[in-house]
N, C-alpha and C. Protein backbone atom coordinates (compact mmCIF):
# COMPACT_ATOMS: atom_id res chain seq x y z
N UNK A 1 -113.04 -86.38 62.14
CA UNK A 1 -114.05 -87.39 62.57
C UNK A 1 -114.14 -88.49 61.68
N UNK A 2 -113.06 -89.04 61.25
CA UNK A 2 -113.12 -90.19 60.42
C UNK A 2 -113.07 -91.51 61.11
N UNK A 3 -113.85 -91.64 62.17
CA UNK A 3 -113.93 -92.88 62.94
C UNK A 3 -115.00 -93.68 62.30
N UNK A 4 -115.08 -94.89 62.58
CA UNK A 4 -116.08 -95.83 62.00
C UNK A 4 -117.49 -95.55 62.55
N UNK A 5 -117.51 -95.12 63.86
CA UNK A 5 -118.80 -94.83 64.47
C UNK A 5 -118.69 -93.52 65.13
N UNK A 6 -119.52 -92.56 64.71
CA UNK A 6 -119.50 -91.22 65.40
C UNK A 6 -120.46 -91.23 66.62
N UNK A 7 -119.84 -90.86 67.70
CA UNK A 7 -120.60 -90.80 68.97
C UNK A 7 -121.04 -89.42 69.12
N UNK A 8 -122.37 -89.16 69.03
CA UNK A 8 -122.98 -87.82 69.03
C UNK A 8 -123.91 -87.68 70.21
N UNK A 9 -123.93 -86.48 70.81
CA UNK A 9 -124.84 -86.20 71.90
C UNK A 9 -125.73 -85.02 71.47
N UNK A 10 -127.01 -85.06 71.84
CA UNK A 10 -127.85 -83.86 71.63
C UNK A 10 -128.50 -83.54 72.96
N UNK A 11 -128.35 -82.29 73.37
CA UNK A 11 -129.09 -81.73 74.53
C UNK A 11 -130.12 -80.81 74.04
N UNK A 12 -131.34 -81.13 74.24
CA UNK A 12 -132.49 -80.28 73.81
C UNK A 12 -133.76 -80.59 74.64
N UNK A 13 -134.34 -79.54 75.14
CA UNK A 13 -135.46 -79.80 76.05
C UNK A 13 -136.78 -80.12 75.20
N UNK A 14 -136.79 -79.86 73.98
CA UNK A 14 -137.97 -80.10 73.19
C UNK A 14 -138.06 -81.54 72.64
N UNK A 15 -139.04 -82.30 73.11
CA UNK A 15 -139.14 -83.68 72.81
C UNK A 15 -139.29 -83.88 71.33
N UNK A 16 -140.12 -83.10 70.60
CA UNK A 16 -140.26 -83.12 69.15
C UNK A 16 -138.96 -82.87 68.42
N UNK A 17 -138.20 -81.91 68.91
CA UNK A 17 -136.88 -81.62 68.26
C UNK A 17 -135.96 -82.80 68.42
N UNK A 18 -135.94 -83.35 69.59
CA UNK A 18 -135.04 -84.58 69.86
C UNK A 18 -135.49 -85.75 68.92
N UNK A 19 -136.79 -85.98 68.77
CA UNK A 19 -137.31 -87.01 67.92
C UNK A 19 -136.92 -86.76 66.45
N UNK A 20 -137.12 -85.53 65.93
CA UNK A 20 -136.82 -85.29 64.53
C UNK A 20 -135.29 -85.36 64.31
N UNK A 21 -134.54 -84.88 65.25
CA UNK A 21 -133.02 -85.01 65.16
C UNK A 21 -132.67 -86.41 65.04
N UNK A 22 -133.20 -87.31 65.91
CA UNK A 22 -132.86 -88.72 65.87
C UNK A 22 -133.24 -89.34 64.58
N UNK A 23 -134.48 -88.99 64.09
CA UNK A 23 -134.87 -89.54 62.79
C UNK A 23 -133.88 -89.04 61.68
N UNK A 24 -133.47 -87.85 61.75
CA UNK A 24 -132.64 -87.35 60.59
C UNK A 24 -131.29 -88.06 60.74
N UNK A 25 -130.81 -88.31 61.88
CA UNK A 25 -129.49 -89.07 62.09
C UNK A 25 -129.63 -90.48 61.53
N UNK A 26 -130.73 -91.14 61.83
CA UNK A 26 -131.00 -92.46 61.44
C UNK A 26 -131.02 -92.62 59.78
N UNK A 27 -131.49 -91.51 59.10
CA UNK A 27 -131.68 -91.61 57.79
C UNK A 27 -130.50 -91.18 56.89
N UNK A 28 -129.38 -90.66 57.52
CA UNK A 28 -128.21 -90.25 56.81
C UNK A 28 -127.26 -91.43 56.72
N UNK A 29 -126.38 -91.43 55.78
CA UNK A 29 -125.53 -92.63 55.49
C UNK A 29 -124.25 -92.56 56.39
N UNK A 30 -124.33 -92.08 57.61
CA UNK A 30 -123.12 -92.08 58.50
C UNK A 30 -123.50 -92.86 59.70
N UNK A 31 -122.55 -93.79 60.08
CA UNK A 31 -122.84 -94.58 61.20
C UNK A 31 -122.61 -93.82 62.50
N UNK A 32 -123.69 -93.76 63.35
CA UNK A 32 -123.65 -92.88 64.49
C UNK A 32 -124.23 -93.66 65.74
N UNK A 33 -123.88 -93.23 66.82
CA UNK A 33 -124.50 -93.59 68.07
C UNK A 33 -124.93 -92.28 68.72
N UNK A 34 -126.20 -92.10 68.85
CA UNK A 34 -126.77 -90.82 69.40
C UNK A 34 -127.28 -90.99 70.79
N UNK A 35 -126.77 -90.05 71.70
CA UNK A 35 -127.25 -89.99 73.07
C UNK A 35 -128.08 -88.75 73.21
N UNK A 36 -129.31 -88.91 73.75
CA UNK A 36 -130.24 -87.76 73.87
C UNK A 36 -130.32 -87.28 75.31
N UNK A 37 -130.31 -85.99 75.55
CA UNK A 37 -130.44 -85.45 76.88
C UNK A 37 -131.53 -84.34 76.91
N UNK A 38 -132.34 -84.32 77.91
CA UNK A 38 -133.48 -83.38 77.99
C UNK A 38 -133.13 -82.05 78.48
N UNK A 39 -131.98 -81.84 79.09
CA UNK A 39 -131.50 -80.45 79.51
C UNK A 39 -130.04 -80.59 79.73
N UNK A 40 -129.46 -79.44 79.89
CA UNK A 40 -128.04 -79.27 80.10
C UNK A 40 -127.46 -79.98 81.31
N UNK A 41 -128.15 -80.02 82.40
CA UNK A 41 -127.56 -80.66 83.53
C UNK A 41 -127.48 -82.19 83.29
N UNK A 42 -128.47 -82.77 82.65
CA UNK A 42 -128.46 -84.17 82.32
C UNK A 42 -127.22 -84.51 81.45
N UNK A 43 -126.96 -83.66 80.47
CA UNK A 43 -125.75 -83.82 79.65
C UNK A 43 -124.43 -83.69 80.46
N UNK A 44 -124.32 -82.70 81.35
CA UNK A 44 -123.16 -82.50 82.13
C UNK A 44 -122.97 -83.65 83.10
N UNK A 45 -124.04 -84.13 83.67
CA UNK A 45 -123.90 -85.28 84.65
C UNK A 45 -123.35 -86.46 83.87
N UNK A 46 -123.75 -86.74 82.59
CA UNK A 46 -123.41 -87.85 81.80
C UNK A 46 -121.83 -87.62 81.48
N UNK A 47 -121.49 -86.45 81.00
CA UNK A 47 -120.13 -86.21 80.50
C UNK A 47 -119.11 -86.33 81.65
N UNK A 48 -119.57 -86.20 82.87
CA UNK A 48 -118.57 -86.35 84.02
C UNK A 48 -118.62 -87.72 84.62
N UNK A 49 -119.37 -88.68 84.05
CA UNK A 49 -119.30 -90.01 84.55
C UNK A 49 -118.00 -90.67 84.39
N UNK A 50 -117.53 -91.55 85.20
CA UNK A 50 -116.27 -92.19 84.95
C UNK A 50 -116.42 -93.30 83.85
N UNK A 51 -115.45 -93.44 83.07
CA UNK A 51 -115.21 -94.48 82.07
C UNK A 51 -116.24 -94.46 80.91
N UNK A 52 -116.77 -93.27 80.61
CA UNK A 52 -117.64 -93.23 79.51
C UNK A 52 -116.86 -92.91 78.17
N UNK A 53 -117.44 -93.21 77.08
CA UNK A 53 -116.81 -92.81 75.74
C UNK A 53 -117.40 -91.45 75.49
N UNK A 54 -116.53 -90.44 75.46
CA UNK A 54 -116.98 -89.05 75.19
C UNK A 54 -117.46 -88.90 73.75
N UNK A 55 -118.48 -88.07 73.56
CA UNK A 55 -119.00 -87.81 72.23
C UNK A 55 -117.87 -87.17 71.35
N UNK A 56 -117.99 -87.55 69.99
CA UNK A 56 -117.09 -86.86 69.03
C UNK A 56 -117.68 -85.42 68.82
N UNK A 57 -118.98 -85.30 68.99
CA UNK A 57 -119.68 -84.04 68.69
C UNK A 57 -120.89 -83.89 69.54
N UNK A 58 -121.05 -82.71 70.20
CA UNK A 58 -122.23 -82.36 70.96
C UNK A 58 -123.06 -81.28 70.28
N UNK A 59 -124.30 -81.54 70.05
CA UNK A 59 -125.29 -80.52 69.66
C UNK A 59 -125.97 -79.97 70.82
N UNK A 60 -125.83 -78.64 71.04
CA UNK A 60 -126.32 -78.06 72.24
C UNK A 60 -127.33 -77.01 71.91
N UNK A 61 -128.61 -77.24 72.39
CA UNK A 61 -129.68 -76.18 72.31
C UNK A 61 -129.34 -75.06 73.29
N UNK A 62 -129.64 -73.86 72.97
CA UNK A 62 -129.30 -72.79 73.93
C UNK A 62 -130.29 -72.59 75.03
N UNK A 63 -131.54 -72.59 74.71
CA UNK A 63 -132.63 -72.28 75.63
C UNK A 63 -133.21 -73.60 76.21
N UNK A 64 -132.66 -74.01 77.37
CA UNK A 64 -133.19 -75.21 78.14
C UNK A 64 -133.25 -74.84 79.56
N UNK A 65 -134.19 -75.57 80.19
CA UNK A 65 -134.32 -75.37 81.66
C UNK A 65 -133.14 -76.03 82.43
N UNK A 66 -133.10 -75.72 83.64
CA UNK A 66 -132.13 -76.31 84.63
C UNK A 66 -130.73 -75.82 84.36
N UNK A 67 -130.19 -76.16 83.22
CA UNK A 67 -128.89 -75.60 82.77
C UNK A 67 -128.94 -75.38 81.26
N UNK A 68 -128.77 -74.14 80.87
CA UNK A 68 -128.94 -73.84 79.40
C UNK A 68 -127.65 -74.20 78.62
N UNK A 69 -127.69 -74.02 77.32
CA UNK A 69 -126.62 -74.39 76.50
C UNK A 69 -125.37 -73.60 76.68
N UNK A 70 -125.51 -72.32 76.91
CA UNK A 70 -124.27 -71.48 77.19
C UNK A 70 -123.66 -71.86 78.43
N UNK A 71 -124.43 -72.17 79.48
CA UNK A 71 -123.84 -72.59 80.72
C UNK A 71 -123.01 -73.89 80.53
N UNK A 72 -123.64 -74.85 79.76
CA UNK A 72 -122.96 -76.10 79.45
C UNK A 72 -121.66 -75.82 78.65
N UNK A 73 -121.71 -75.00 77.66
CA UNK A 73 -120.59 -74.63 76.84
C UNK A 73 -119.46 -74.12 77.72
N UNK A 74 -119.75 -73.18 78.58
CA UNK A 74 -118.69 -72.68 79.47
C UNK A 74 -118.15 -73.74 80.44
N UNK A 75 -118.98 -74.54 80.97
CA UNK A 75 -118.59 -75.60 81.85
C UNK A 75 -117.65 -76.61 81.09
N UNK A 76 -118.05 -76.98 79.91
CA UNK A 76 -117.17 -77.90 79.15
C UNK A 76 -115.81 -77.35 78.83
N UNK A 77 -115.85 -76.06 78.38
CA UNK A 77 -114.50 -75.38 78.06
C UNK A 77 -113.63 -75.19 79.27
N UNK A 78 -114.23 -75.21 80.41
CA UNK A 78 -113.43 -74.92 81.65
C UNK A 78 -112.95 -76.22 82.22
N UNK A 79 -113.50 -77.38 81.73
CA UNK A 79 -113.04 -78.65 82.30
C UNK A 79 -111.89 -79.28 81.51
N UNK A 80 -110.74 -79.52 82.05
CA UNK A 80 -109.61 -80.03 81.34
C UNK A 80 -109.87 -81.42 80.56
N UNK A 81 -110.83 -82.21 81.09
CA UNK A 81 -111.12 -83.46 80.48
C UNK A 81 -112.14 -83.35 79.27
N UNK A 82 -112.75 -82.22 79.23
CA UNK A 82 -113.82 -82.02 78.24
C UNK A 82 -113.56 -80.96 77.27
N UNK A 83 -112.63 -80.06 77.56
CA UNK A 83 -112.38 -78.74 76.81
C UNK A 83 -112.15 -78.90 75.32
N UNK A 84 -111.71 -80.07 74.88
CA UNK A 84 -111.44 -80.28 73.39
C UNK A 84 -112.65 -80.88 72.64
N UNK A 85 -113.74 -81.12 73.34
CA UNK A 85 -114.90 -81.70 72.64
C UNK A 85 -115.41 -80.73 71.56
N UNK A 86 -115.83 -81.23 70.45
CA UNK A 86 -116.43 -80.39 69.43
C UNK A 86 -117.89 -80.07 69.77
N UNK A 87 -118.22 -78.84 69.74
CA UNK A 87 -119.64 -78.40 70.14
C UNK A 87 -120.28 -77.60 69.04
N UNK A 88 -121.44 -78.04 68.61
CA UNK A 88 -122.24 -77.31 67.63
C UNK A 88 -123.46 -76.72 68.41
N UNK A 89 -123.53 -75.47 68.44
CA UNK A 89 -124.80 -74.89 69.01
C UNK A 89 -125.95 -75.11 67.98
N UNK A 90 -127.09 -75.61 68.52
CA UNK A 90 -128.18 -76.08 67.68
C UNK A 90 -129.42 -75.32 68.27
N UNK A 91 -129.79 -74.20 67.69
CA UNK A 91 -130.83 -73.33 68.31
C UNK A 91 -131.70 -72.68 67.31
N UNK A 92 -132.88 -72.31 67.74
CA UNK A 92 -133.85 -71.59 66.98
C UNK A 92 -133.43 -70.14 66.94
N UNK A 93 -132.68 -69.75 67.94
CA UNK A 93 -132.28 -68.30 67.99
C UNK A 93 -131.24 -67.99 66.93
N UNK A 94 -131.51 -66.84 66.28
CA UNK A 94 -130.50 -66.37 65.26
C UNK A 94 -130.07 -65.03 65.66
N UNK A 95 -130.20 -64.70 66.99
CA UNK A 95 -129.82 -63.37 67.45
C UNK A 95 -128.32 -63.25 67.40
N UNK A 96 -127.84 -62.08 67.00
CA UNK A 96 -126.43 -61.75 66.83
C UNK A 96 -125.76 -61.92 68.22
N UNK A 97 -126.40 -61.52 69.29
CA UNK A 97 -125.92 -61.66 70.64
C UNK A 97 -125.58 -63.13 70.98
N UNK A 98 -126.51 -64.10 70.66
CA UNK A 98 -126.34 -65.44 70.96
C UNK A 98 -125.15 -66.06 70.17
N UNK A 99 -125.17 -65.73 68.83
CA UNK A 99 -124.06 -66.18 67.95
C UNK A 99 -122.68 -65.69 68.51
N UNK A 100 -122.60 -64.35 68.79
CA UNK A 100 -121.37 -63.76 69.27
C UNK A 100 -120.94 -64.42 70.60
N UNK A 101 -121.86 -64.55 71.55
CA UNK A 101 -121.57 -65.02 72.85
C UNK A 101 -121.11 -66.55 72.79
N UNK A 102 -121.73 -67.30 72.00
CA UNK A 102 -121.29 -68.70 71.82
C UNK A 102 -119.95 -68.85 71.15
N UNK A 103 -119.71 -68.02 70.14
CA UNK A 103 -118.47 -67.98 69.47
C UNK A 103 -117.35 -67.62 70.46
N UNK A 104 -117.51 -66.55 71.27
CA UNK A 104 -116.50 -66.06 72.16
C UNK A 104 -116.28 -67.06 73.32
N UNK A 105 -117.21 -67.93 73.55
CA UNK A 105 -117.11 -68.95 74.63
C UNK A 105 -116.66 -70.26 74.09
N UNK A 106 -116.28 -70.35 72.80
CA UNK A 106 -115.57 -71.54 72.32
C UNK A 106 -116.35 -72.57 71.57
N UNK A 107 -117.61 -72.28 71.22
CA UNK A 107 -118.37 -73.23 70.36
C UNK A 107 -117.68 -73.37 69.01
N UNK A 108 -117.86 -74.49 68.40
CA UNK A 108 -117.12 -74.68 67.09
C UNK A 108 -117.89 -74.27 65.97
N UNK A 109 -119.22 -74.39 66.05
CA UNK A 109 -120.11 -74.02 64.96
C UNK A 109 -121.56 -73.67 65.53
N UNK A 110 -122.23 -72.82 64.78
CA UNK A 110 -123.57 -72.36 65.20
C UNK A 110 -124.52 -72.77 64.08
N UNK A 111 -125.52 -73.68 64.44
CA UNK A 111 -126.46 -74.09 63.47
C UNK A 111 -127.84 -73.73 63.89
N UNK A 112 -128.59 -72.93 63.02
CA UNK A 112 -129.94 -72.69 63.35
C UNK A 112 -130.80 -73.85 63.04
N UNK A 113 -131.73 -74.18 63.86
CA UNK A 113 -132.59 -75.38 63.71
C UNK A 113 -133.35 -75.09 62.38
N UNK A 114 -133.29 -76.01 61.50
CA UNK A 114 -134.00 -75.84 60.18
C UNK A 114 -135.44 -76.01 60.41
N UNK A 115 -136.32 -75.37 59.57
CA UNK A 115 -137.75 -75.33 59.78
C UNK A 115 -138.42 -76.50 58.97
N UNK A 116 -137.73 -77.42 58.44
CA UNK A 116 -138.38 -78.65 57.90
C UNK A 116 -137.38 -79.81 57.99
N UNK A 117 -137.95 -80.99 57.90
CA UNK A 117 -137.14 -82.24 58.09
C UNK A 117 -136.05 -82.37 57.02
N UNK A 118 -136.28 -82.11 55.78
CA UNK A 118 -135.35 -82.25 54.71
C UNK A 118 -134.15 -81.38 54.98
N UNK A 119 -134.38 -80.12 55.34
CA UNK A 119 -133.27 -79.21 55.60
C UNK A 119 -132.56 -79.65 56.91
N UNK A 120 -133.24 -80.15 57.85
CA UNK A 120 -132.58 -80.73 59.08
C UNK A 120 -131.59 -81.84 58.72
N UNK A 121 -132.17 -82.72 57.92
CA UNK A 121 -131.35 -83.87 57.53
C UNK A 121 -130.06 -83.44 56.79
N UNK A 122 -130.25 -82.55 55.82
CA UNK A 122 -129.10 -82.04 55.01
C UNK A 122 -128.13 -81.29 55.92
N UNK A 123 -128.66 -80.50 56.90
CA UNK A 123 -127.75 -79.72 57.77
C UNK A 123 -126.94 -80.66 58.62
N UNK A 124 -127.63 -81.61 59.30
CA UNK A 124 -126.96 -82.54 60.14
C UNK A 124 -125.88 -83.31 59.40
N UNK A 125 -126.28 -83.78 58.25
CA UNK A 125 -125.27 -84.64 57.49
C UNK A 125 -124.08 -83.74 57.09
N UNK A 126 -124.25 -82.52 56.68
CA UNK A 126 -123.17 -81.64 56.35
C UNK A 126 -122.31 -81.35 57.51
N UNK A 127 -122.95 -81.12 58.74
CA UNK A 127 -122.08 -80.86 59.93
C UNK A 127 -121.28 -82.07 60.31
N UNK A 128 -121.89 -83.25 60.15
CA UNK A 128 -121.13 -84.46 60.49
C UNK A 128 -119.98 -84.70 59.50
N UNK A 129 -120.08 -84.27 58.34
CA UNK A 129 -119.01 -84.43 57.29
C UNK A 129 -118.01 -83.33 57.26
N UNK A 130 -118.09 -82.32 58.19
CA UNK A 130 -117.12 -81.27 58.20
C UNK A 130 -115.78 -81.77 58.50
N UNK A 131 -114.74 -81.03 58.13
CA UNK A 131 -113.41 -81.32 58.53
C UNK A 131 -113.28 -80.62 59.93
N UNK A 132 -113.41 -81.40 60.93
CA UNK A 132 -113.51 -80.82 62.35
C UNK A 132 -112.10 -80.32 62.74
N UNK A 133 -111.01 -80.81 62.16
CA UNK A 133 -109.71 -80.25 62.59
C UNK A 133 -109.78 -78.84 62.16
N UNK A 134 -110.29 -78.49 60.99
CA UNK A 134 -110.30 -77.04 60.55
C UNK A 134 -111.23 -76.24 61.50
N UNK A 135 -112.35 -76.78 61.92
CA UNK A 135 -113.26 -76.06 62.76
C UNK A 135 -112.87 -75.98 64.25
N UNK A 136 -111.78 -76.63 64.58
CA UNK A 136 -111.31 -76.55 65.93
C UNK A 136 -109.94 -75.72 66.01
N UNK A 137 -109.26 -75.72 64.94
CA UNK A 137 -107.97 -75.03 65.02
C UNK A 137 -107.98 -73.67 64.42
N UNK A 138 -108.86 -73.34 63.45
CA UNK A 138 -108.97 -72.02 62.78
C UNK A 138 -110.30 -71.37 62.94
N UNK A 139 -110.81 -71.28 64.20
CA UNK A 139 -112.05 -70.67 64.42
C UNK A 139 -112.07 -69.27 63.92
N UNK A 140 -113.07 -68.97 63.13
CA UNK A 140 -113.33 -67.58 62.81
C UNK A 140 -114.80 -67.41 62.49
N UNK A 141 -115.23 -66.19 62.60
CA UNK A 141 -116.63 -65.88 62.56
C UNK A 141 -117.32 -66.30 61.19
N UNK A 142 -116.52 -66.27 60.12
CA UNK A 142 -117.07 -66.57 58.88
C UNK A 142 -117.48 -68.00 58.72
N UNK A 143 -116.73 -68.88 59.32
CA UNK A 143 -117.06 -70.29 59.20
C UNK A 143 -117.86 -70.80 60.37
N UNK A 144 -118.09 -69.95 61.46
CA UNK A 144 -118.75 -70.35 62.64
C UNK A 144 -120.28 -70.48 62.42
N UNK A 145 -120.92 -69.48 61.76
CA UNK A 145 -122.32 -69.57 61.48
C UNK A 145 -122.55 -70.38 60.29
N UNK A 146 -123.19 -71.55 60.48
CA UNK A 146 -123.41 -72.59 59.47
C UNK A 146 -124.72 -72.33 58.72
N UNK A 147 -124.65 -72.20 57.43
CA UNK A 147 -125.84 -71.95 56.64
C UNK A 147 -125.97 -73.01 55.52
N UNK A 148 -127.21 -73.43 55.37
CA UNK A 148 -127.50 -74.42 54.27
C UNK A 148 -128.54 -73.88 53.35
């Protein structure tokens, strides 16, 4: 992800979480364009529009109404035009079942939502600085669950 401007999408039904994520992105030293979506269906509708610039990275909350994060993940991985997108699961859930299920369905990384703004900012910055070639070609459970 060594582009000049990172195109990032966040799908999260919690307005406060979207606002905090947006503020964290604004305060880190990486040039980004952030698109925010209130639920998974809104994200999927956007991703399938003609002539859009696809995101370099999608942060997906798991527990959303209408279409949840796991449904989006599966749909993205099944779509030939979207299947190579980098996806970070971004959830309050730390259940082993959720981690395992998202790993098996092709998410690139699993990030628990930090409980304060400073940790959120540090986590997002670290995720954006990852070597995504490594996180897409050598997926393994040890590097999947992201901890800060």
